[in-house]
Amino acid sequence: MSGIHDFIDNEVKTNDVVLFMKGTPQFPQCGFSGQVVQILDYVGVDYKGIDVLADGDLRQGIKDYSNWPTIPQLYVKGEFIGGCDIVREMFQAGELQTVLENNGISVKGAA
């Protein structure tokens, strides 16, 4: 399983914003993944979507990696932000945009 852990670790640490999701950003395969995609698209941030449905080991591996039971999972600069509900609440409160900006990631409508 360490191969999967290393893969996840590398993706999380080498991409500013990573979304582990069901499906792809173009074709989300679940409503929760779709909601997070919509939010990320709305704030206009570049991110990498990784489809966990393509790989059962990855689907379990990401849950072990974050110690979080559900997918999608959003990471910013190597840090686990949360799943759909947390991302949505942060977005509505303006906190998600702040976290992104504080990490040097440009968002739409920011100075």
PDB file of N, CA and C in Angstrom:
ATOM      1  N   MET A   1       0.827  -1.207   0.000  1.00  0.00           N
ATOM      2  CA  MET A   1       0.000   0.000   0.000  1.00  0.00           C
ATOM      3  C   MET A   1       0.863   1.260   0.000  1.00  0.00           C
ATOM      4  N   SER A   2       2.142   1.131   0.333  1.00  0.00           N
ATOM      5  CA  SER A   2       3.002   2.320   0.428  1.00  0.00           C
ATOM      6  C   SER A   2       3.159   3.007  -0.928  1.00  0.00           C
ATOM      7  N   GLY A   3       3.056   2.239  -2.004  1.00  0.00           N
ATOM      8  CA  GLY A   3       3.125   2.843  -3.335  1.00  0.00           C
ATOM      9  C   GLY A   3       2.021   3.856  -3.541  1.00  0.00           C
ATOM     10  N   ILE A   4       0.826   3.502  -3.096  1.00  0.00           N
ATOM     11  CA  ILE A   4      -0.322   4.413  -3.194  1.00  0.00           C
ATOM     12  C   ILE A   4      -0.091   5.623  -2.296  1.00  0.00           C
ATOM     13  N   HIS A   5       0.387   5.373  -1.099  1.00  0.00           N
ATOM     14  CA  HIS A   5       0.652   6.476  -0.167  1.00  0.00           C
ATOM     15  C   HIS A   5       1.657   7.452  -0.770  1.00  0.00           C
ATOM     16  N   ASP A   6       2.714   6.910  -1.370  1.00  0.00           N
ATOM     17  CA  ASP A   6       3.737   7.756  -2.001  1.00  0.00           C
ATOM     18  C   ASP A   6       3.153   8.541  -3.169  1.00  0.00           C
ATOM     19  N   PHE A   7       2.299   7.883  -3.953  1.00  0.00           N
ATOM     20  CA  PHE A   7       1.651   8.542  -5.089  1.00  0.00           C
ATOM     21  C   PHE A   7       0.807   9.725  -4.600  1.00  0.00           C
ATOM     22  N   ILE A   8      -0.007   9.473  -3.577  1.00  0.00           N
ATOM     23  CA  ILE A   8      -0.870  10.524  -3.021  1.00  0.00           C
ATOM     24  C   ILE A   8      -0.019  11.648  -2.458  1.00  0.00           C
ATOM     25  N   ASP A   9       0.976  11.278  -1.680  1.00  0.00           N
ATOM     26  CA  ASP A   9       1.873  12.247  -1.054  1.00  0.00           C
ATOM     27  C   ASP A   9       2.508  13.145  -2.110  1.00  0.00           C
ATOM     28  N   ASN A  10       2.963  12.541  -3.197  1.00  0.00           N
ATOM     29  CA  ASN A  10       3.597  13.290  -4.279  1.00  0.00           C
ATOM     30  C   ASN A  10       2.607  14.235  -4.953  1.00  0.00           C
ATOM     31  N   GLU A  11       1.419  13.747  -5.251  1.00  0.00           N
ATOM     32  CA  GLU A  11       0.398  14.585  -5.903  1.00  0.00           C
ATOM     33  C   GLU A  11       0.037  15.782  -5.026  1.00  0.00           C
ATOM     34  N   VAL A  12      -0.139  15.507  -3.734  1.00  0.00           N
ATOM     35  CA  VAL A  12      -0.561  16.542  -2.787  1.00  0.00           C
ATOM     36  C   VAL A  12       0.532  17.600  -2.617  1.00  0.00           C
ATOM     37  N   LYS A  13       1.784  17.153  -2.668  1.00  0.00           N
ATOM     38  CA  LYS A  13       2.888  18.074  -2.392  1.00  0.00           C
ATOM     39  C   LYS A  13       3.416  18.785  -3.639  1.00  0.00           C
ATOM     40  N   THR A  14       3.141  18.241  -4.818  1.00  0.00           N
ATOM     41  CA  THR A  14       3.678  18.869  -6.029  1.00  0.00           C
ATOM     42  C   THR A  14       2.638  19.700  -6.778  1.00  0.00           C
ATOM     43  N   ASN A  15       1.381  19.629  -6.372  1.00  0.00           N
ATOM     44  CA  ASN A  15       0.323  20.444  -6.980  1.00  0.00           C
ATOM     45  C   ASN A  15      -0.243  21.371  -5.905  1.00  0.00           C
ATOM     46  N   ASP A  16      -0.422  22.637  -6.253  1.00  0.00           N
ATOM     47  CA  ASP A  16      -0.925  23.602  -5.268  1.00  0.00           C
ATOM     48  C   ASP A  16      -2.304  23.212  -4.759  1.00  0.00           C
ATOM     49  N   VAL A  17      -3.183  22.826  -5.690  1.00  0.00           N
ATOM     50  CA  VAL A  17      -4.548  22.470  -5.316  1.00  0.00           C
ATOM     51  C   VAL A  17      -4.895  21.142  -5.975  1.00  0.00           C
ATOM     52  N   VAL A  18      -5.270  20.152  -5.169  1.00  0.00           N
ATOM     53  CA  VAL A  18      -5.605  18.826  -5.679  1.00  0.00           C
ATOM     54  C   VAL A  18      -6.959  18.412  -5.116  1.00  0.00           C
ATOM     55  N   LEU A  19      -7.802  17.902  -6.010  1.00  0.00           N
ATOM     56  CA  LEU A  19      -9.093  17.375  -5.589  1.00  0.00           C
ATOM     57  C   LEU A  19      -9.145  15.891  -5.938  1.00  0.00           C
ATOM     58  N   PHE A  20      -9.181  15.058  -4.902  1.00  0.00           N
ATOM     59  CA  PHE A  20      -9.424  13.634  -5.100  1.00  0.00           C
ATOM     60  C   PHE A  20     -10.934  13.469  -5.165  1.00  0.00           C
ATOM     61  N   MET A  21     -11.431  12.949  -6.282  1.00  0.00           N
ATOM     62  CA  MET A  21     -12.863  12.971  -6.539  1.00  0.00           C
ATOM     63  C   MET A  21     -13.319  11.728  -7.269  1.00  0.00           C
ATOM     64  N   LYS A  22     -14.632  11.564  -7.327  1.00  0.00           N
ATOM     65  CA  LYS A  22     -15.216  10.491  -8.129  1.00  0.00           C
ATOM     66  C   LYS A  22     -15.517  11.071  -9.505  1.00  0.00           C
ATOM     67  N   GLY A  23     -14.821  10.556 -10.506  1.00  0.00           N
ATOM     68  CA  GLY A  23     -14.937  11.099 -11.847  1.00  0.00           C
ATOM     69  C   GLY A  23     -13.846  12.129 -12.102  1.00  0.00           C
ATOM     70  N   THR A  24     -14.078  12.977 -13.090  1.00  0.00           N
ATOM     71  CA  THR A  24     -13.117  13.999 -13.470  1.00  0.00           C
ATOM     72  C   THR A  24     -13.777  15.372 -13.342  1.00  0.00           C
ATOM     73  N   PRO A  25     -12.974  16.445 -13.331  1.00  0.00           N
ATOM     74  CA  PRO A  25     -13.581  17.781 -13.271  1.00  0.00           C
ATOM     75  C   PRO A  25     -14.588  18.013 -14.403  1.00  0.00           C
ATOM     76  N   GLN A  26     -14.339  17.437 -15.567  1.00  0.00           N
ATOM     77  CA  GLN A  26     -15.257  17.591 -16.698  1.00  0.00           C
ATOM     78  C   GLN A  26     -16.517  16.736 -16.518  1.00  0.00           C
ATOM     79  N   PHE A  27     -16.352  15.564 -15.927  1.00  0.00           N
ATOM     80  CA  PHE A  27     -17.473  14.628 -15.746  1.00  0.00           C
ATOM     81  C   PHE A  27     -17.484  14.044 -14.340  1.00  0.00           C
ATOM     82  N   PRO A  28     -17.893  14.843 -13.351  1.00  0.00           N
ATOM     83  CA  PRO A  28     -17.970  14.302 -11.987  1.00  0.00           C
ATOM     84  C   PRO A  28     -18.969  13.145 -11.940  1.00  0.00           C
ATOM     85  N   GLN A  29     -18.637  12.109 -11.174  1.00  0.00           N
ATOM     86  CA  GLN A  29     -19.479  10.915 -11.091  1.00  0.00           C
ATOM     87  C   GLN A  29     -20.297  10.866  -9.806  1.00  0.00           C
ATOM     88  N   CYS A  30     -20.238  11.919  -8.999  1.00  0.00           N
ATOM     89  CA  CYS A  30     -21.118  11.999  -7.840  1.00  0.00           C
ATOM     90  C   CYS A  30     -21.410  13.455  -7.547  1.00  0.00           C
ATOM     91  N   GLY A  31     -22.544  13.680  -6.910  1.00  0.00           N
ATOM     92  CA  GLY A  31     -22.990  15.045  -6.648  1.00  0.00           C
ATOM     93  C   GLY A  31     -22.038  15.841  -5.780  1.00  0.00           C
ATOM     94  N   PHE A  32     -21.436  15.171  -4.795  1.00  0.00           N
ATOM     95  CA  PHE A  32     -20.541  15.881  -3.880  1.00  0.00           C
ATOM     96  C   PHE A  32     -19.281  16.335  -4.604  1.00  0.00           C
ATOM     97  N   SER A  33     -18.725  15.443  -5.429  1.00  0.00           N
ATOM     98  CA  SER A  33     -17.558  15.826  -6.228  1.00  0.00           C
ATOM     99  C   SER A  33     -17.931  16.982  -7.155  1.00  0.00           C
ATOM    100  N   GLY A  34     -19.121  16.887  -7.744  1.00  0.00           N
ATOM    101  CA  GLY A  34     -19.585  17.926  -8.654  1.00  0.00           C
ATOM    102  C   GLY A  34     -19.708  19.279  -7.981  1.00  0.00           C
ATOM    103  N   GLN A  35     -20.188  19.279  -6.741  1.00  0.00           N
ATOM    104  CA  GLN A  35     -20.323  20.540  -6.002  1.00  0.00           C
ATOM    105  C   GLN A  35     -18.968  21.196  -5.765  1.00  0.00           C
ATOM    106  N   VAL A  36     -17.982  20.394  -5.385  1.00  0.00           N
ATOM    107  CA  VAL A  36     -16.654  20.950  -5.119  1.00  0.00           C
ATOM    108  C   VAL A  36     -16.037  21.473  -6.421  1.00  0.00           C
ATOM    109  N   VAL A  37     -16.232  20.748  -7.508  1.00  0.00           N
ATOM    110  CA  VAL A  37     -15.764  21.204  -8.822  1.00  0.00           C
ATOM    111  C   VAL A  37     -16.391  22.563  -9.151  1.00  0.00           C
ATOM    112  N   GLN A  38     -17.688  22.684  -8.936  1.00  0.00           N
ATOM    113  CA  GLN A  38     -18.379  23.954  -9.220  1.00  0.00           C
ATOM    114  C   GLN A  38     -17.795  25.096  -8.390  1.00  0.00           C
ATOM    115  N   ILE A  39     -17.521  24.825  -7.135  1.00  0.00           N
ATOM    116  CA  ILE A  39     -16.963  25.856  -6.248  1.00  0.00           C
ATOM    117  C   ILE A  39     -15.573  26.258  -6.719  1.00  0.00           C
ATOM    118  N   LEU A  40     -14.735  25.270  -7.025  1.00  0.00           N
ATOM    119  CA  LEU A  40     -13.373  25.577  -7.471  1.00  0.00           C
ATOM    120  C   LEU A  40     -13.399  26.339  -8.789  1.00  0.00           C
ATOM    121  N   ASP A  41     -14.297  25.932  -9.693  1.00  0.00           N
ATOM    122  CA  ASP A  41     -14.428  26.644 -10.964  1.00  0.00           C
ATOM    123  C   ASP A  41     -14.910  28.072 -10.731  1.00  0.00           C
ATOM    124  N   TYR A  42     -15.821  28.227  -9.778  1.00  0.00           N
ATOM    125  CA  TYR A  42     -16.379  29.541  -9.497  1.00  0.00           C
ATOM    126  C   TYR A  42     -15.311  30.496  -8.962  1.00  0.00           C
ATOM    127  N   VAL A  43     -14.476  29.994  -8.053  1.00  0.00           N
ATOM    128  CA  VAL A  43     -13.422  30.864  -7.519  1.00  0.00           C
ATOM    129  C   VAL A  43     -12.267  31.003  -8.511  1.00  0.00           C
ATOM    130  N   GLY A  44     -12.326  30.215  -9.585  1.00  0.00           N
ATOM    131  CA  GLY A  44     -11.387  30.389 -10.688  1.00  0.00           C
ATOM    132  C   GLY A  44      -9.976  29.947 -10.378  1.00  0.00           C
ATOM    133  N   VAL A  45      -9.862  28.904  -9.584  1.00  0.00           N
ATOM    134  CA  VAL A  45      -8.530  28.429  -9.195  1.00  0.00           C
ATOM    135  C   VAL A  45      -8.137  27.236 -10.069  1.00  0.00           C
ATOM    136  N   ASP A  46      -6.859  27.183 -10.431  1.00  0.00           N
ATOM    137  CA  ASP A  46      -6.340  26.022 -11.152  1.00  0.00           C
ATOM    138  C   ASP A  46      -6.167  24.888 -10.157  1.00  0.00           C
ATOM    139  N   TYR A  47      -6.604  23.709 -10.532  1.00  0.00           N
ATOM    140  CA  TYR A  47      -6.443  22.570  -9.630  1.00  0.00           C
ATOM    141  C   TYR A  47      -6.319  21.297 -10.461  1.00  0.00           C
ATOM    142  N   LYS A  48      -5.834  20.272  -9.810  1.00  0.00           N
ATOM    143  CA  LYS A  48      -5.719  18.966 -10.450  1.00  0.00           C
ATOM    144  C   LYS A  48      -6.777  18.052  -9.860  1.00  0.00           C
ATOM    145  N   GLY A  49      -7.613  17.475 -10.716  1.00  0.00           N
ATOM    146  CA  GLY A  49      -8.596  16.501 -10.279  1.00  0.00           C
ATOM    147  C   GLY A  49      -8.063  15.099 -10.485  1.00  0.00           C
ATOM    148  N   ILE A  50      -8.172  14.271  -9.464  1.00  0.00           N
ATOM    149  CA  ILE A  50      -7.705  12.887  -9.561  1.00  0.00           C
ATOM    150  C   ILE A  50      -8.892  11.960  -9.311  1.00  0.00           C
ATOM    151  N   ASP A  51      -9.175  11.117 -10.284  1.00  0.00           N
ATOM    152  CA  ASP A  51     -10.335  10.224 -10.251  1.00  0.00           C
ATOM    153  C   ASP A  51     -10.024   8.975  -9.437  1.00  0.00           C
ATOM    154  N   VAL A  52     -10.683   8.833  -8.289  1.00  0.00           N
ATOM    155  CA  VAL A  52     -10.439   7.663  -7.442  1.00  0.00           C
ATOM    156  C   VAL A  52     -11.185   6.427  -7.935  1.00  0.00           C
ATOM    157  N   LEU A  53     -12.172   6.624  -8.819  1.00  0.00           N
ATOM    158  CA  LEU A  53     -12.933   5.474  -9.312  1.00  0.00           C
ATOM    159  C   LEU A  53     -12.089   4.590 -10.228  1.00  0.00           C
ATOM    160  N   ALA A  54     -11.042   5.165 -10.789  1.00  0.00           N
ATOM    161  CA  ALA A  54     -10.191   4.422 -11.706  1.00  0.00           C
ATOM    162  C   ALA A  54      -9.333   3.390 -10.981  1.00  0.00           C
ATOM    163  N   ASP A  55      -9.246   3.491  -9.651  1.00  0.00           N
ATOM    164  CA  ASP A  55      -8.303   2.656  -8.913  1.00  0.00           C
ATOM    165  C   ASP A  55      -8.806   2.413  -7.489  1.00  0.00           C
ATOM    166  N   GLY A  56      -9.186   1.171  -7.213  1.00  0.00           N
ATOM    167  CA  GLY A  56      -9.691   0.820  -5.883  1.00  0.00           C
ATOM    168  C   GLY A  56      -8.689   1.056  -4.778  1.00  0.00           C
ATOM    169  N   ASP A  57      -7.417   0.790  -5.054  1.00  0.00           N
ATOM    170  CA  ASP A  57      -6.376   1.026  -4.050  1.00  0.00           C
ATOM    171  C   ASP A  57      -6.287   2.510  -3.719  1.00  0.00           C
ATOM    172  N   LEU A  58      -6.407   3.333  -4.753  1.00  0.00           N
ATOM    173  CA  LEU A  58      -6.354   4.779  -4.555  1.00  0.00           C
ATOM    174  C   LEU A  58      -7.568   5.253  -3.751  1.00  0.00           C
ATOM    175  N   ARG A  59      -8.735   4.689  -4.071  1.00  0.00           N
ATOM    176  CA  ARG A  59      -9.962   5.092  -3.377  1.00  0.00           C
ATOM    177  C   ARG A  59      -9.844   4.824  -1.881  1.00  0.00           C
ATOM    178  N   GLN A  60      -9.302   3.666  -1.518  1.00  0.00           N
ATOM    179  CA  GLN A  60      -9.091   3.370  -0.097  1.00  0.00           C
ATOM    180  C   GLN A  60      -7.887   4.137   0.437  1.00  0.00           C
ATOM    181  N   GLY A  61      -6.870   4.241  -0.379  1.00  0.00           N
ATOM    182  CA  GLY A  61      -5.616   4.875   0.049  1.00  0.00           C
ATOM    183  C   GLY A  61      -5.794   6.319   0.473  1.00  0.00           C
ATOM    184  N   ILE A  62      -6.636   7.058  -0.260  1.00  0.00           N
ATOM    185  CA  ILE A  62      -6.814   8.475   0.074  1.00  0.00           C
ATOM    186  C   ILE A  62      -7.553   8.618   1.404  1.00  0.00           C
ATOM    187  N   LYS A  63      -8.444   7.674   1.701  1.00  0.00           N
ATOM    188  CA  LYS A  63      -9.146   7.707   2.996  1.00  0.00           C
ATOM    189  C   LYS A  63      -8.170   7.437   4.141  1.00  0.00           C
ATOM    190  N   ASP A  64      -7.261   6.510   3.911  1.00  0.00           N
ATOM    191  CA  ASP A  64      -6.247   6.209   4.922  1.00  0.00           C
ATOM    192  C   ASP A  64      -5.290   7.392   5.078  1.00  0.00           C
ATOM    193  N   TYR A  65      -4.931   7.984   3.951  1.00  0.00           N
ATOM    194  CA  TYR A  65      -3.948   9.080   3.938  1.00  0.00           C
ATOM    195  C   TYR A  65      -4.438  10.260   4.777  1.00  0.00           C
ATOM    196  N   SER A  66      -5.693  10.613   4.586  1.00  0.00           N
ATOM    197  CA  SER A  66      -6.247  11.792   5.259  1.00  0.00           C
ATOM    198  C   SER A  66      -6.917  11.446   6.576  1.00  0.00           C
ATOM    199  N   ASN A  67      -7.174  10.139   6.774  1.00  0.00           N
ATOM    200  CA  ASN A  67      -7.973   9.699   7.913  1.00  0.00           C
ATOM    201  C   ASN A  67      -9.364  10.330   7.830  1.00  0.00           C
ATOM    202  N   TRP A  68      -9.880  10.427   6.623  1.00  0.00           N
ATOM    203  CA  TRP A  68     -11.191  11.027   6.356  1.00  0.00           C
ATOM    204  C   TRP A  68     -11.971  10.007   5.543  1.00  0.00           C
ATOM    205  N   PRO A  69     -13.219   9.692   5.925  1.00  0.00           N
ATOM    206  CA  PRO A  69     -13.913   8.535   5.345  1.00  0.00           C
ATOM    207  C   PRO A  69     -14.557   8.752   3.979  1.00  0.00           C
ATOM    208  N   THR A  70     -14.665   9.998   3.547  1.00  0.00           N
ATOM    209  CA  THR A  70     -15.441  10.254   2.331  1.00  0.00           C
ATOM    210  C   THR A  70     -14.624  10.945   1.248  1.00  0.00           C
ATOM    211  N   ILE A  71     -15.175  10.879   0.056  1.00  0.00           N
ATOM    212  CA  ILE A  71     -14.604  11.527  -1.117  1.00  0.00           C
ATOM    213  C   ILE A  71     -15.706  12.424  -1.661  1.00  0.00           C
ATOM    214  N   PRO A  72     -15.436  13.604  -2.133  1.00  0.00           N
ATOM    215  CA  PRO A  72     -14.139  14.186  -2.502  1.00  0.00           C
ATOM    216  C   PRO A  72     -13.316  14.675  -1.306  1.00  0.00           C
ATOM    217  N   GLN A  73     -12.035  14.898  -1.584  1.00  0.00           N
ATOM    218  CA  GLN A  73     -11.117  15.469  -0.601  1.00  0.00           C
ATOM    219  C   GLN A  73     -10.285  16.535  -1.297  1.00  0.00           C
ATOM    220  N   LEU A  74     -10.258  17.712  -0.696  1.00  0.00           N
ATOM    221  CA  LEU A  74      -9.524  18.834  -1.270  1.00  0.00           C
ATOM    222  C   LEU A  74      -8.262  19.111  -0.472  1.00  0.00           C
ATOM    223  N   TYR A  75      -7.161  19.274  -1.195  1.00  0.00           N
ATOM    224  CA  TYR A  75      -5.873  19.621  -0.593  1.00  0.00           C
ATOM    225  C   TYR A  75      -5.379  20.931  -1.185  1.00  0.00           C
ATOM    226  N   VAL A  76      -4.838  21.792  -0.318  1.00  0.00           N
ATOM    227  CA  VAL A  76      -4.215  23.032  -0.760  1.00  0.00           C
ATOM    228  C   VAL A  76      -2.805  23.071  -0.191  1.00  0.00           C
ATOM    229  N   LYS A  77      -1.821  23.157  -1.064  1.00  0.00           N
ATOM    230  CA  LYS A  77      -0.412  23.217  -0.652  1.00  0.00           C
ATOM    231  C   LYS A  77      -0.063  22.114   0.330  1.00  0.00           C
ATOM    232  N   GLY A  78      -0.518  20.900   0.018  1.00  0.00           N
ATOM    233  CA  GLY A  78      -0.164  19.748   0.839  1.00  0.00           C
ATOM    234  C   GLY A  78      -1.011  19.563   2.079  1.00  0.00           C
ATOM    235  N   GLU A  79      -1.940  20.482   2.322  1.00  0.00           N
ATOM    236  CA  GLU A  79      -2.760  20.396   3.525  1.00  0.00           C
ATOM    237  C   GLU A  79      -4.174  19.955   3.178  1.00  0.00           C
ATOM    238  N   PHE A  80      -4.698  19.020   3.956  1.00  0.00           N
ATOM    239  CA  PHE A  80      -6.062  18.547   3.748  1.00  0.00           C
ATOM    240  C   PHE A  80      -7.036  19.619   4.226  1.00  0.00           C
ATOM    241  N   ILE A  81      -7.899  20.074   3.331  1.00  0.00           N
ATOM    242  CA  ILE A  81      -8.881  21.112   3.672  1.00  0.00           C
ATOM    243  C   ILE A  81     -10.172  20.477   4.160  1.00  0.00           C
ATOM    244  N   GLY A  82     -10.675  19.504   3.402  1.00  0.00           N
ATOM    245  CA  GLY A  82     -11.896  18.830   3.827  1.00  0.00           C
ATOM    246  C   GLY A  82     -12.654  18.259   2.655  1.00  0.00           C
ATOM    247  N   GLY A  83     -13.860  17.782   2.964  1.00  0.00           N
ATOM    248  CA  GLY A  83     -14.740  17.224   1.957  1.00  0.00           C
ATOM    249  C   GLY A  83     -15.756  18.252   1.493  1.00  0.00           C
ATOM    250  N   CYS A  84     -16.810  17.768   0.869  1.00  0.00           N
ATOM    251  CA  CYS A  84     -17.788  18.643   0.237  1.00  0.00           C
ATOM    252  C   CYS A  84     -18.414  19.642   1.208  1.00  0.00           C
ATOM    253  N   ASP A  85     -18.913  19.168   2.352  1.00  0.00           N
ATOM    254  CA  ASP A  85     -19.606  20.060   3.289  1.00  0.00           C
ATOM    255  C   ASP A  85     -18.683  21.156   3.803  1.00  0.00           C
ATOM    256  N   ILE A  86     -17.471  20.762   4.173  1.00  0.00           N
ATOM    257  CA  ILE A  86     -16.504  21.726   4.711  1.00  0.00           C
ATOM    258  C   ILE A  86     -16.130  22.747   3.640  1.00  0.00           C
ATOM    259  N   VAL A  87     -15.847  22.261   2.435  1.00  0.00           N
ATOM    260  CA  VAL A  87     -15.478  23.163   1.336  1.00  0.00           C
ATOM    261  C   VAL A  87     -16.629  24.132   1.053  1.00  0.00           C
ATOM    262  N   ARG A  88     -17.851  23.612   1.029  1.00  0.00           N
ATOM    263  CA  ARG A  88     -19.005  24.457   0.746  1.00  0.00           C
ATOM    264  C   ARG A  88     -19.185  25.524   1.841  1.00  0.00           C
ATOM    265  N   GLU A  89     -19.076  25.110   3.094  1.00  0.00           N
ATOM    266  CA  GLU A  89     -19.223  26.064   4.198  1.00  0.00           C
ATOM    267  C   GLU A  89     -18.124  27.118   4.161  1.00  0.00           C
ATOM    268  N   MET A  90     -16.894  26.689   3.898  1.00  0.00           N
ATOM    269  CA  MET A  90     -15.777  27.631   3.815  1.00  0.00           C
ATOM    270  C   MET A  90     -15.981  28.617   2.662  1.00  0.00           C
ATOM    271  N   PHE A  91     -16.463  28.085   1.538  1.00  0.00           N
ATOM    272  CA  PHE A  91     -16.711  28.926   0.366  1.00  0.00           C
ATOM    273  C   PHE A  91     -17.770  29.978   0.672  1.00  0.00           C
ATOM    274  N   GLN A  92     -18.863  29.548   1.292  1.00  0.00           N
ATOM    275  CA  GLN A  92     -19.969  30.470   1.589  1.00  0.00           C
ATOM    276  C   GLN A  92     -19.536  31.539   2.580  1.00  0.00           C
ATOM    277  N   ALA A  93     -18.617  31.203   3.461  1.00  0.00           N
ATOM    278  CA  ALA A  93     -18.131  32.155   4.459  1.00  0.00           C
ATOM    279  C   ALA A  93     -16.980  33.004   3.925  1.00  0.00           C
ATOM    280  N   GLY A  94     -16.523  32.698   2.690  1.00  0.00           N
ATOM    281  CA  GLY A  94     -15.395  33.425   2.124  1.00  0.00           C
ATOM    282  C   GLY A  94     -14.049  32.929   2.620  1.00  0.00           C
ATOM    283  N   GLU A  95     -14.069  31.862   3.424  1.00  0.00           N
ATOM    284  CA  GLU A  95     -12.822  31.354   4.017  1.00  0.00           C
ATOM    285  C   GLU A  95     -11.974  30.589   3.007  1.00  0.00           C
ATOM    286  N   LEU A  96     -12.642  29.886   2.084  1.00  0.00           N
ATOM    287  CA  LEU A  96     -11.894  29.096   1.102  1.00  0.00           C
ATOM    288  C   LEU A  96     -11.017  30.013   0.251  1.00  0.00           C
ATOM    289  N   GLN A  97     -11.599  31.121  -0.194  1.00  0.00           N
ATOM    290  CA  GLN A  97     -10.865  32.087  -0.995  1.00  0.00           C
ATOM    291  C   GLN A  97      -9.671  32.628  -0.209  1.00  0.00           C
ATOM    292  N   THR A  98      -9.883  32.891   1.085  1.00  0.00           N
ATOM    293  CA  THR A  98      -8.824  33.415   1.946  1.00  0.00           C
ATOM    294  C   THR A  98      -7.690  32.406   2.081  1.00  0.00           C
ATOM    295  N   VAL A  99      -8.049  31.137   2.299  1.00  0.00           N
ATOM    296  CA  VAL A  99      -7.033  30.081   2.431  1.00  0.00           C
ATOM    297  C   VAL A  99      -6.201  30.003   1.153  1.00  0.00           C
ATOM    298  N   LEU A 100      -6.878  30.045   0.008  1.00  0.00           N
ATOM    299  CA  LEU A 100      -6.175  29.982  -1.271  1.00  0.00           C
ATOM    300  C   LEU A 100      -5.236  31.177  -1.430  1.00  0.00           C
ATOM    301  N   GLU A 101      -5.763  32.370  -1.179  1.00  0.00           N
ATOM    302  CA  GLU A 101      -4.954  33.589  -1.332  1.00  0.00           C
ATOM    303  C   GLU A 101      -3.780  33.598  -0.376  1.00  0.00           C
ATOM    304  N   ASN A 102      -4.020  33.158   0.858  1.00  0.00           N
ATOM    305  CA  ASN A 102      -2.954  33.132   1.858  1.00  0.00           C
ATOM    306  C   ASN A 102      -1.840  32.161   1.470  1.00  0.00           C
ATOM    307  N   ASN A 103      -2.187  31.190   0.618  1.00  0.00           N
ATOM    308  CA  ASN A 103      -1.193  30.228   0.132  1.00  0.00           C
ATOM    309  C   ASN A 103      -0.610  30.662  -1.206  1.00  0.00           C
ATOM    310  N   GLY A 104      -0.895  31.891  -1.608  1.00  0.00           N
ATOM    311  CA  GLY A 104      -0.321  32.420  -2.844  1.00  0.00           C
ATOM    312  C   GLY A 104      -0.971  31.904  -4.101  1.00  0.00           C
ATOM    313  N   ILE A 105      -2.214  31.421  -3.981  1.00  0.00           N
ATOM    314  CA  ILE A 105      -2.935  30.891  -5.135  1.00  0.00           C
ATOM    315  C   ILE A 105      -3.962  31.921  -5.573  1.00  0.00           C
ATOM    316  N   SER A 106      -3.856  32.367  -6.811  1.00  0.00           N
ATOM    317  CA  SER A 106      -4.738  33.449  -7.245  1.00  0.00           C
ATOM    318  C   SER A 106      -6.138  32.926  -7.491  1.00  0.00           C
ATOM    319  N   VAL A 107      -7.120  33.694  -7.050  1.00  0.00           N
ATOM    320  CA  VAL A 107      -8.517  33.361  -7.272  1.00  0.00           C
ATOM    321  C   VAL A 107      -9.156  34.483  -8.068  1.00  0.00           C
ATOM    322  N   LYS A 108     -10.235  34.137  -8.746  1.00  0.00           N
ATOM    323  CA  LYS A 108     -10.956  35.092  -9.564  1.00  0.00           C
ATOM    324  C   LYS A 108     -11.502  36.217  -8.681  1.00  0.00           C
ATOM    325  N   GLY A 109     -11.377  37.436  -9.137  1.00  0.00           N
ATOM    326  CA  GLY A 109     -11.937  38.542  -8.388  1.00  0.00           C
ATOM    327  C   GLY A 109     -11.039  39.014  -7.254  1.00  0.00           C
ATOM    328  N   ALA A 110      -9.879  38.408  -7.135  1.00  0.00           N
ATOM    329  CA  ALA A 110      -8.935  38.859  -6.112  1.00  0.00           C
ATOM    330  C   ALA A 110      -8.011  39.914  -6.733  1.00  0.00           C
ATOM    331  N   ALA A 111      -7.461  40.746  -5.882  1.00  0.00           N
ATOM    332  CA  ALA A 111      -6.577  41.810  -6.367  1.00  0.00           C
ATOM    333  C   ALA A 111      -5.309  41.212  -6.962  1.00  0.00           C
TER     334      ALA A 111
END
